[in-house]
Amino acid sequence: MLQPKRLKHRKFQRGRMKGHAQAGATLTQGDFGLQAQEPCWMTARQLEAARRAIVHHFKRGGKVWIRVFPDKPVTKKPHPTTGWRSSVRVGSCSRSLV
């Protein structure tokens, strides 16, 4: 699963997901993409499950680029049980497909 190698701070503020995405709203790689219609928190497990489903559907024939990375630790529990999340804003292209 995706997670950062090291952090500057152990806990982050969650921030806001208001408004549309300014960066990452256009395709840079591939021919097709999945675009977010509403803001959400995507966990590392969700990203990995989506990647596996896409690769399985293509029968390992195409390339998949994932442009979001779960870099925020979001949890109420202590540090070792941290769940990693990435914030996805409206209009951002989270995956590109060939």
PDB file of N, CA and C in Angstrom:
ATOM      1  N   MET A   1       0.835  -1.184   0.000  1.00  0.00           N
ATOM      2  CA  MET A   1       0.000   0.000   0.000  1.00  0.00           C
ATOM      3  C   MET A   1       0.876   1.242   0.000  1.00  0.00           C
ATOM      4  N   LEU A   2       0.298   2.327  -0.448  1.00  0.00           N
ATOM      5  CA  LEU A   2       1.024   3.588  -0.509  1.00  0.00           C
ATOM      6  C   LEU A   2       1.055   4.259   0.856  1.00  0.00           C
ATOM      7  N   GLN A   3       2.214   4.743   1.235  1.00  0.00           N
ATOM      8  CA  GLN A   3       2.356   5.577   2.416  1.00  0.00           C
ATOM      9  C   GLN A   3       3.716   6.258   2.345  1.00  0.00           C
ATOM     10  N   PRO A   4       3.846   7.438   2.937  1.00  0.00           N
ATOM     11  CA  PRO A   4       5.124   8.144   2.864  1.00  0.00           C
ATOM     12  C   PRO A   4       6.207   7.443   3.675  1.00  0.00           C
ATOM     13  N   LYS A   5       7.456   7.623   3.248  1.00  0.00           N
ATOM     14  CA  LYS A   5       8.567   6.988   3.956  1.00  0.00           C
ATOM     15  C   LYS A   5       8.817   7.634   5.307  1.00  0.00           C
ATOM     16  N   ARG A   6       8.755   8.964   5.359  1.00  0.00           N
ATOM     17  CA  ARG A   6       8.927   9.647   6.636  1.00  0.00           C
ATOM     18  C   ARG A   6       8.156  10.951   6.612  1.00  0.00           C
ATOM     19  N   LEU A   7       7.899  11.500   7.786  1.00  0.00           N
ATOM     20  CA  LEU A   7       7.091  12.711   7.924  1.00  0.00           C
ATOM     21  C   LEU A   7       7.858  13.779   8.677  1.00  0.00           C
ATOM     22  N   LYS A   8       7.521  15.028   8.394  1.00  0.00           N
ATOM     23  CA  LYS A   8       8.091  16.114   9.179  1.00  0.00           C
ATOM     24  C   LYS A   8       7.355  16.220  10.509  1.00  0.00           C
ATOM     25  N   HIS A   9       6.046  16.040  10.476  1.00  0.00           N
ATOM     26  CA  HIS A   9       5.229  16.092  11.693  1.00  0.00           C
ATOM     27  C   HIS A   9       4.417  14.808  11.799  1.00  0.00           C
ATOM     28  N   ARG A  10       4.167  14.385  13.018  1.00  0.00           N
ATOM     29  CA  ARG A  10       3.491  13.117  13.255  1.00  0.00           C
ATOM     30  C   ARG A  10       1.992  13.189  12.956  1.00  0.00           C
ATOM     31  N   LYS A  11       1.364  14.328  13.255  1.00  0.00           N
ATOM     32  CA  LYS A  11      -0.062  14.513  12.997  1.00  0.00           C
ATOM     33  C   LYS A  11      -0.263  15.782  12.179  1.00  0.00           C
ATOM     34  N   PHE A  12      -1.198  15.731  11.253  1.00  0.00           N
ATOM     35  CA  PHE A  12      -1.496  16.871  10.395  1.00  0.00           C
ATOM     36  C   PHE A  12      -2.877  17.406  10.726  1.00  0.00           C
ATOM     37  N   GLN A  13      -3.095  18.691  10.396  1.00  0.00           N
ATOM     38  CA  GLN A  13      -4.448  19.223  10.440  1.00  0.00           C
ATOM     39  C   GLN A  13      -5.172  18.774   9.177  1.00  0.00           C
ATOM     40  N   ARG A  14      -6.460  18.555   9.301  1.00  0.00           N
ATOM     41  CA  ARG A  14      -7.189  17.981   8.176  1.00  0.00           C
ATOM     42  C   ARG A  14      -7.398  18.975   7.037  1.00  0.00           C
ATOM     43  N   GLY A  15      -7.592  20.245   7.329  1.00  0.00           N
ATOM     44  CA  GLY A  15      -7.793  21.226   6.273  1.00  0.00           C
ATOM     45  C   GLY A  15      -9.205  21.179   5.712  1.00  0.00           C
ATOM     46  N   ARG A  16      -9.413  21.918   4.628  1.00  0.00           N
ATOM     47  CA  ARG A  16     -10.729  21.990   3.984  1.00  0.00           C
ATOM     48  C   ARG A  16     -10.646  21.495   2.555  1.00  0.00           C
ATOM     49  N   MET A  17     -11.752  20.945   2.067  1.00  0.00           N
ATOM     50  CA  MET A  17     -11.821  20.462   0.689  1.00  0.00           C
ATOM     51  C   MET A  17     -12.881  21.247  -0.082  1.00  0.00           C
ATOM     52  N   LYS A  18     -12.934  22.548   0.146  1.00  0.00           N
ATOM     53  CA  LYS A  18     -13.950  23.373  -0.479  1.00  0.00           C
ATOM     54  C   LYS A  18     -13.461  23.842  -1.852  1.00  0.00           C
ATOM     55  N   GLY A  19     -14.358  23.912  -2.811  1.00  0.00           N
ATOM     56  CA  GLY A  19     -14.029  24.436  -4.125  1.00  0.00           C
ATOM     57  C   GLY A  19     -13.522  23.394  -5.099  1.00  0.00           C
ATOM     58  N   HIS A  20     -13.199  23.861  -6.296  1.00  0.00           N
ATOM     59  CA  HIS A  20     -12.736  22.986  -7.366  1.00  0.00           C
ATOM     60  C   HIS A  20     -11.220  22.923  -7.386  1.00  0.00           C
ATOM     61  N   ALA A  21     -10.702  21.867  -7.971  1.00  0.00           N
ATOM     62  CA  ALA A  21      -9.258  21.676  -8.063  1.00  0.00           C
ATOM     63  C   ALA A  21      -8.681  22.633  -9.104  1.00  0.00           C
ATOM     64  N   GLN A  22      -7.581  23.291  -8.754  1.00  0.00           N
ATOM     65  CA  GLN A  22      -6.893  24.156  -9.704  1.00  0.00           C
ATOM     66  C   GLN A  22      -5.858  23.349 -10.484  1.00  0.00           C
ATOM     67  N   ALA A  23      -5.048  22.591  -9.762  1.00  0.00           N
ATOM     68  CA  ALA A  23      -4.020  21.779 -10.410  1.00  0.00           C
ATOM     69  C   ALA A  23      -4.509  20.339 -10.508  1.00  0.00           C
ATOM     70  N   GLY A  24      -4.029  19.637 -11.503  1.00  0.00           N
ATOM     71  CA  GLY A  24      -4.376  18.224 -11.654  1.00  0.00           C
ATOM     72  C   GLY A  24      -5.747  17.984 -12.240  1.00  0.00           C
ATOM     73  N   ALA A  25      -6.320  18.979 -12.916  1.00  0.00           N
ATOM     74  CA  ALA A  25      -7.652  18.815 -13.487  1.00  0.00           C
ATOM     75  C   ALA A  25      -7.605  18.361 -14.934  1.00  0.00           C
ATOM     76  N   THR A  26      -6.418  18.297 -15.532  1.00  0.00           N
ATOM     77  CA  THR A  26      -6.300  17.866 -16.917  1.00  0.00           C
ATOM     78  C   THR A  26      -5.455  16.599 -16.989  1.00  0.00           C
ATOM     79  N   LEU A  27      -5.600  15.867 -18.077  1.00  0.00           N
ATOM     80  CA  LEU A  27      -4.803  14.658 -18.280  1.00  0.00           C
ATOM     81  C   LEU A  27      -3.398  15.036 -18.736  1.00  0.00           C
ATOM     82  N   THR A  28      -2.407  14.453 -18.120  1.00  0.00           N
ATOM     83  CA  THR A  28      -1.031  14.655 -18.561  1.00  0.00           C
ATOM     84  C   THR A  28      -0.469  13.386 -19.189  1.00  0.00           C
ATOM     85  N   GLN A  29      -0.983  12.234 -18.788  1.00  0.00           N
ATOM     86  CA  GLN A  29      -0.546  10.960 -19.340  1.00  0.00           C
ATOM     87  C   GLN A  29      -1.785  10.164 -19.702  1.00  0.00           C
ATOM     88  N   GLY A  30      -1.675   9.344 -20.728  1.00  0.00           N
ATOM     89  CA  GLY A  30      -2.765   8.444 -21.081  1.00  0.00           C
ATOM     90  C   GLY A  30      -3.838   9.103 -21.923  1.00  0.00           C
ATOM     91  N   ASP A  31      -4.849   8.309 -22.264  1.00  0.00           N
ATOM     92  CA  ASP A  31      -5.933   8.752 -23.135  1.00  0.00           C
ATOM     93  C   ASP A  31      -7.243   8.971 -22.391  1.00  0.00           C
ATOM     94  N   PHE A  32      -7.435   8.270 -21.276  1.00  0.00           N
ATOM     95  CA  PHE A  32      -8.661   8.361 -20.507  1.00  0.00           C
ATOM     96  C   PHE A  32      -8.322   8.640 -19.058  1.00  0.00           C
ATOM     97  N   GLY A  33      -9.286   9.171 -18.310  1.00  0.00           N
ATOM     98  CA  GLY A  33      -9.045   9.436 -16.900  1.00  0.00           C
ATOM     99  C   GLY A  33     -10.325   9.387 -16.095  1.00  0.00           C
ATOM    100  N   LEU A  34     -10.190   9.205 -14.801  1.00  0.00           N
ATOM    101  CA  LEU A  34     -11.311   9.255 -13.875  1.00  0.00           C
ATOM    102  C   LEU A  34     -11.235  10.580 -13.123  1.00  0.00           C
ATOM    103  N   GLN A  35     -12.344  11.319 -13.142  1.00  0.00           N
ATOM    104  CA  GLN A  35     -12.368  12.638 -12.534  1.00  0.00           C
ATOM    105  C   GLN A  35     -13.329  12.643 -11.354  1.00  0.00           C
ATOM    106  N   ALA A  36     -12.924  13.272 -10.269  1.00  0.00           N
ATOM    107  CA  ALA A  36     -13.747  13.318  -9.058  1.00  0.00           C
ATOM    108  C   ALA A  36     -14.929  14.258  -9.260  1.00  0.00           C
ATOM    109  N   GLN A  37     -16.125  13.819  -8.874  1.00  0.00           N
ATOM    110  CA  GLN A  37     -17.332  14.635  -8.987  1.00  0.00           C
ATOM    111  C   GLN A  37     -17.690  15.306  -7.664  1.00  0.00           C
ATOM    112  N   GLU A  38     -17.104  14.842  -6.566  1.00  0.00           N
ATOM    113  CA  GLU A  38     -17.327  15.452  -5.257  1.00  0.00           C
ATOM    114  C   GLU A  38     -16.082  15.241  -4.410  1.00  0.00           C
ATOM    115  N   PRO A  39     -15.834  16.134  -3.457  1.00  0.00           N
ATOM    116  CA  PRO A  39     -14.627  15.984  -2.629  1.00  0.00           C
ATOM    117  C   PRO A  39     -14.764  14.796  -1.680  1.00  0.00           C
ATOM    118  N   CYS A  40     -13.637  14.159  -1.391  1.00  0.00           N
ATOM    119  CA  CYS A  40     -13.668  12.997  -0.500  1.00  0.00           C
ATOM    120  C   CYS A  40     -12.279  12.748   0.059  1.00  0.00           C
ATOM    121  N   TRP A  41     -12.234  11.928   1.104  1.00  0.00           N
ATOM    122  CA  TRP A  41     -10.982  11.375   1.601  1.00  0.00           C
ATOM    123  C   TRP A  41     -10.847   9.987   1.019  1.00  0.00           C
ATOM    124  N   MET A  42      -9.754   9.708   0.335  1.00  0.00           N
ATOM    125  CA  MET A  42      -9.515   8.369  -0.194  1.00  0.00           C
ATOM    126  C   MET A  42      -8.396   7.734   0.612  1.00  0.00           C
ATOM    127  N   THR A  43      -8.655   6.535   1.114  1.00  0.00           N
ATOM    128  CA  THR A  43      -7.649   5.841   1.901  1.00  0.00           C
ATOM    129  C   THR A  43      -6.687   5.108   0.976  1.00  0.00           C
ATOM    130  N   ALA A  44      -5.558   4.695   1.527  1.00  0.00           N
ATOM    131  CA  ALA A  44      -4.579   3.940   0.752  1.00  0.00           C
ATOM    132  C   ALA A  44      -5.171   2.610   0.289  1.00  0.00           C
ATOM    133  N   ARG A  45      -6.017   2.003   1.118  1.00  0.00           N
ATOM    134  CA  ARG A  45      -6.662   0.741   0.735  1.00  0.00           C
ATOM    135  C   ARG A  45      -7.618   0.941  -0.439  1.00  0.00           C
ATOM    136  N   GLN A  46      -8.363   2.052  -0.442  1.00  0.00           N
ATOM    137  CA  GLN A  46      -9.277   2.332  -1.548  1.00  0.00           C
ATOM    138  C   GLN A  46      -8.516   2.547  -2.849  1.00  0.00           C
ATOM    139  N   LEU A  47      -7.399   3.274  -2.779  1.00  0.00           N
ATOM    140  CA  LEU A  47      -6.592   3.512  -3.973  1.00  0.00           C
ATOM    141  C   LEU A  47      -6.039   2.202  -4.523  1.00  0.00           C
ATOM    142  N   GLU A  48      -5.555   1.346  -3.642  1.00  0.00           N
ATOM    143  CA  GLU A  48      -4.995   0.063  -4.071  1.00  0.00           C
ATOM    144  C   GLU A  48      -6.078  -0.845  -4.644  1.00  0.00           C
ATOM    145  N   ALA A  49      -7.275  -0.846  -4.033  1.00  0.00           N
ATOM    146  CA  ALA A  49      -8.373  -1.669  -4.541  1.00  0.00           C
ATOM    147  C   ALA A  49      -8.815  -1.191  -5.925  1.00  0.00           C
ATOM    148  N   ALA A  50      -8.864   0.125  -6.133  1.00  0.00           N
ATOM    149  CA  ALA A  50      -9.238   0.659  -7.442  1.00  0.00           C
ATOM    150  C   ALA A  50      -8.181   0.324  -8.483  1.00  0.00           C
ATOM    151  N   ARG A  51      -6.916   0.429  -8.115  1.00  0.00           N
ATOM    152  CA  ARG A  51      -5.840   0.104  -9.050  1.00  0.00           C
ATOM    153  C   ARG A  51      -5.915  -1.364  -9.467  1.00  0.00           C
ATOM    154  N   ARG A  52      -6.132  -2.256  -8.501  1.00  0.00           N
ATOM    155  CA  ARG A  52      -6.225  -3.687  -8.801  1.00  0.00           C
ATOM    156  C   ARG A  52      -7.412  -3.996  -9.699  1.00  0.00           C
ATOM    157  N   ALA A  53      -8.556  -3.347  -9.456  1.00  0.00           N
ATOM    158  CA  ALA A  53      -9.748  -3.585 -10.271  1.00  0.00           C
ATOM    159  C   ALA A  53      -9.518  -3.130 -11.712  1.00  0.00           C
ATOM    160  N   ILE A  54      -8.865  -1.973 -11.885  1.00  0.00           N
ATOM    161  CA  ILE A  54      -8.607  -1.459 -13.231  1.00  0.00           C
ATOM    162  C   ILE A  54      -7.632  -2.368 -13.965  1.00  0.00           C
ATOM    163  N   VAL A  55      -6.550  -2.768 -13.297  1.00  0.00           N
ATOM    164  CA  VAL A  55      -5.558  -3.640 -13.918  1.00  0.00           C
ATOM    165  C   VAL A  55      -6.176  -4.994 -14.269  1.00  0.00           C
ATOM    166  N   HIS A  56      -7.031  -5.502 -13.410  1.00  0.00           N
ATOM    167  CA  HIS A  56      -7.701  -6.788 -13.677  1.00  0.00           C
ATOM    168  C   HIS A  56      -8.630  -6.666 -14.886  1.00  0.00           C
ATOM    169  N   HIS A  57      -9.338  -5.533 -14.984  1.00  0.00           N
ATOM    170  CA  HIS A  57     -10.264  -5.337 -16.093  1.00  0.00           C
ATOM    171  C   HIS A  57      -9.515  -5.235 -17.424  1.00  0.00           C
ATOM    172  N   PHE A  58      -8.351  -4.594 -17.414  1.00  0.00           N
ATOM    173  CA  PHE A  58      -7.539  -4.478 -18.635  1.00  0.00           C
ATOM    174  C   PHE A  58      -6.775  -5.753 -18.945  1.00  0.00           C
ATOM    175  N   LYS A  59      -6.851  -6.745 -18.069  1.00  0.00           N
ATOM    176  CA  LYS A  59      -6.082  -7.986 -18.201  1.00  0.00           C
ATOM    177  C   LYS A  59      -4.600  -7.686 -18.348  1.00  0.00           C
ATOM    178  N   ARG A  60      -4.125  -6.752 -17.561  1.00  0.00           N
ATOM    179  CA  ARG A  60      -2.735  -6.296 -17.512  1.00  0.00           C
ATOM    180  C   ARG A  60      -2.234  -5.817 -18.866  1.00  0.00           C
ATOM    181  N   GLY A  61      -3.136  -5.278 -19.703  1.00  0.00           N
ATOM    182  CA  GLY A  61      -2.755  -4.852 -21.037  1.00  0.00           C
ATOM    183  C   GLY A  61      -2.389  -3.392 -21.156  1.00  0.00           C
ATOM    184  N   GLY A  62      -2.915  -2.546 -20.297  1.00  0.00           N
ATOM    185  CA  GLY A  62      -2.659  -1.121 -20.406  1.00  0.00           C
ATOM    186  C   GLY A  62      -1.809  -0.607 -19.252  1.00  0.00           C
ATOM    187  N   LYS A  63      -1.602   0.698 -19.250  1.00  0.00           N
ATOM    188  CA  LYS A  63      -0.855   1.336 -18.165  1.00  0.00           C
ATOM    189  C   LYS A  63      -1.812   2.163 -17.326  1.00  0.00           C
ATOM    190  N   VAL A  64      -1.551   2.227 -16.033  1.00  0.00           N
ATOM    191  CA  VAL A  64      -2.388   2.990 -15.115  1.00  0.00           C
ATOM    192  C   VAL A  64      -1.490   3.918 -14.316  1.00  0.00           C
ATOM    193  N   TRP A  65      -1.818   5.205 -14.321  1.00  0.00           N
ATOM    194  CA  TRP A  65      -1.108   6.179 -13.491  1.00  0.00           C
ATOM    195  C   TRP A  65      -2.067   6.689 -12.430  1.00  0.00           C
ATOM    196  N   ILE A  66      -1.649   6.628 -11.178  1.00  0.00           N
ATOM    197  CA  ILE A  66      -2.453   7.156 -10.070  1.00  0.00           C
ATOM    198  C   ILE A  66      -1.817   8.462  -9.620  1.00  0.00           C
ATOM    199  N   ARG A  67      -2.583   9.543  -9.673  1.00  0.00           N
ATOM    200  CA  ARG A  67      -2.017  10.857  -9.428  1.00  0.00           C
ATOM    201  C   ARG A  67      -2.296  11.399  -8.029  1.00  0.00           C
ATOM    202  N   VAL A  68      -2.976  10.646  -7.206  1.00  0.00           N
ATOM    203  CA  VAL A  68      -3.171  11.072  -5.818  1.00  0.00           C
ATOM    204  C   VAL A  68      -2.345  10.160  -4.924  1.00  0.00           C
ATOM    205  N   PHE A  69      -1.844  10.722  -3.838  1.00  0.00           N
ATOM    206  CA  PHE A  69      -0.994   9.967  -2.922  1.00  0.00           C
ATOM    207  C   PHE A  69      -1.493  10.172  -1.502  1.00  0.00           C
ATOM    208  N   PRO A  70      -1.697   9.105  -0.736  1.00  0.00           N
ATOM    209  CA  PRO A  70      -2.181   9.249   0.643  1.00  0.00           C
ATOM    210  C   PRO A  70      -1.062   9.725   1.562  1.00  0.00           C
ATOM    211  N   ASP A  71      -0.998  11.024   1.786  1.00  0.00           N
ATOM    212  CA  ASP A  71       0.104  11.593   2.551  1.00  0.00           C
ATOM    213  C   ASP A  71      -0.319  12.169   3.896  1.00  0.00           C
ATOM    214  N   LYS A  72      -1.614  12.138   4.222  1.00  0.00           N
ATOM    215  CA  LYS A  72      -2.071  12.696   5.490  1.00  0.00           C
ATOM    216  C   LYS A  72      -2.432  11.588   6.467  1.00  0.00           C
ATOM    217  N   PRO A  73      -1.849  11.598   7.658  1.00  0.00           N
ATOM    218  CA  PRO A  73      -2.267  10.636   8.677  1.00  0.00           C
ATOM    219  C   PRO A  73      -3.551  11.123   9.350  1.00  0.00           C
ATOM    220  N   VAL A  74      -4.638  10.386   9.209  1.00  0.00           N
ATOM    221  CA  VAL A  74      -5.918  10.774   9.796  1.00  0.00           C
ATOM    222  C   VAL A  74      -6.341   9.677  10.758  1.00  0.00           C
ATOM    223  N   THR A  75      -6.361   9.980  12.053  1.00  0.00           N
ATOM    224  CA  THR A  75      -6.739   8.986  13.044  1.00  0.00           C
ATOM    225  C   THR A  75      -7.058   9.666  14.360  1.00  0.00           C
ATOM    226  N   LYS A  76      -7.804   8.987  15.202  1.00  0.00           N
ATOM    227  CA  LYS A  76      -8.012   9.428  16.573  1.00  0.00           C
ATOM    228  C   LYS A  76      -7.159   8.603  17.519  1.00  0.00           C
ATOM    229  N   LYS A  77      -6.618   7.503  17.012  1.00  0.00           N
ATOM    230  CA  LYS A  77      -5.839   6.601  17.844  1.00  0.00           C
ATOM    231  C   LYS A  77      -4.363   7.000  17.816  1.00  0.00           C
ATOM    232  N   PRO A  78      -3.521   6.384  18.633  1.00  0.00           N
ATOM    233  CA  PRO A  78      -2.106   6.727  18.659  1.00  0.00           C
ATOM    234  C   PRO A  78      -1.386   6.432  17.341  1.00  0.00           C
ATOM    235  N   HIS A  79      -0.159   6.851  17.260  1.00  0.00           N
ATOM    236  CA  HIS A  79       0.616   6.865  16.016  1.00  0.00           C
ATOM    237  C   HIS A  79       0.743   5.516  15.291  1.00  0.00           C
ATOM    238  N   PRO A  80       1.015   4.397  15.928  1.00  0.00           N
ATOM    239  CA  PRO A  80       1.228   3.169  15.149  1.00  0.00           C
ATOM    240  C   PRO A  80       0.012   2.694  14.356  1.00  0.00           C
ATOM    241  N   THR A  81      -1.195   3.118  14.726  1.00  0.00           N
ATOM    242  CA  THR A  81      -2.395   2.659  14.027  1.00  0.00           C
ATOM    243  C   THR A  81      -2.919   3.734  13.079  1.00  0.00           C
ATOM    244  N   THR A  82      -2.033   4.495  12.488  1.00  0.00           N
ATOM    245  CA  THR A  82      -2.433   5.586  11.607  1.00  0.00           C
ATOM    246  C   THR A  82      -2.989   5.052  10.302  1.00  0.00           C
ATOM    247  N   GLY A  83      -4.109   5.630   9.858  1.00  0.00           N
ATOM    248  CA  GLY A  83      -4.644   5.326   8.538  1.00  0.00           C
ATOM    249  C   GLY A  83      -4.287   6.464   7.599  1.00  0.00           C
ATOM    250  N   TRP A  84      -3.707   6.178   6.454  1.00  0.00           N
ATOM    251  CA  TRP A  84      -3.253   7.206   5.516  1.00  0.00           C
ATOM    252  C   TRP A  84      -4.376   7.565   4.572  1.00  0.00           C
ATOM    253  N   ARG A  85      -4.556   8.870   4.318  1.00  0.00           N
ATOM    254  CA  ARG A  85      -5.609   9.364   3.455  1.00  0.00           C
ATOM    255  C   ARG A  85      -5.035  10.398   2.481  1.00  0.00           C
ATOM    256  N   SER A  86      -5.704  10.554   1.366  1.00  0.00           N
ATOM    257  CA  SER A  86      -5.393  11.639   0.454  1.00  0.00           C
ATOM    258  C   SER A  86      -6.683  12.406   0.215  1.00  0.00           C
ATOM    259  N   SER A  87      -6.588  13.719   0.167  1.00  0.00           N
ATOM    260  CA  SER A  87      -7.781  14.516  -0.074  1.00  0.00           C
ATOM    261  C   SER A  87      -7.928  14.715  -1.574  1.00  0.00           C
ATOM    262  N   VAL A  88      -9.116  14.437  -2.100  1.00  0.00           N
ATOM    263  CA  VAL A  88      -9.409  14.567  -3.521  1.00  0.00           C
ATOM    264  C   VAL A  88     -10.457  15.647  -3.665  1.00  0.00           C
ATOM    265  N   ARG A  89     -10.162  16.666  -4.476  1.00  0.00           N
ATOM    266  CA  ARG A  89     -11.092  17.767  -4.667  1.00  0.00           C
ATOM    267  C   ARG A  89     -11.890  17.573  -5.946  1.00  0.00           C
ATOM    268  N   VAL A  90     -12.962  18.340  -6.077  1.00  0.00           N
ATOM    269  CA  VAL A  90     -13.833  18.244  -7.244  1.00  0.00           C
ATOM    270  C   VAL A  90     -13.046  18.626  -8.494  1.00  0.00           C
ATOM    271  N   GLY A  91     -13.141  17.799  -9.515  1.00  0.00           N
ATOM    272  CA  GLY A  91     -12.511  18.105 -10.792  1.00  0.00           C
ATOM    273  C   GLY A  91     -11.110  17.565 -10.947  1.00  0.00           C
ATOM    274  N   SER A  92     -10.515  17.012  -9.892  1.00  0.00           N
ATOM    275  CA  SER A  92      -9.164  16.494 -10.042  1.00  0.00           C
ATOM    276  C   SER A  92      -9.209  15.120 -10.700  1.00  0.00           C
ATOM    277  N   CYS A  93      -8.281  14.882 -11.609  1.00  0.00           N
ATOM    278  CA  CYS A  93      -8.173  13.585 -12.278  1.00  0.00           C
ATOM    279  C   CYS A  93      -7.322  12.679 -11.421  1.00  0.00           C
ATOM    280  N   SER A  94      -7.926  11.691 -10.817  1.00  0.00           N
ATOM    281  CA  SER A  94      -7.191  10.856  -9.896  1.00  0.00           C
ATOM    282  C   SER A  94      -6.440   9.728 -10.592  1.00  0.00           C
ATOM    283  N   ARG A  95      -6.921   9.253 -11.738  1.00  0.00           N
ATOM    284  CA  ARG A  95      -6.259   8.158 -12.450  1.00  0.00           C
ATOM    285  C   ARG A  95      -6.263   8.437 -13.933  1.00  0.00           C
ATOM    286  N   SER A  96      -5.167   8.075 -14.591  1.00  0.00           N
ATOM    287  CA  SER A  96      -5.083   8.172 -16.053  1.00  0.00           C
ATOM    288  C   SER A  96      -4.881   6.769 -16.607  1.00  0.00           C
ATOM    289  N   LEU A  97      -5.509   6.511 -17.730  1.00  0.00           N
ATOM    290  CA  LEU A  97      -5.486   5.169 -18.320  1.00  0.00           C
ATOM    291  C   LEU A  97      -5.053   5.256 -19.773  1.00  0.00           C
ATOM    292  N   VAL A  98      -4.375   4.225 -20.223  1.00  0.00           N
ATOM    293  CA  VAL A  98      -4.029   4.135 -21.650  1.00  0.00           C
ATOM    294  C   VAL A  98      -4.824   3.009 -22.270  1.00  0.00           C
TER     295      VAL A  98
END
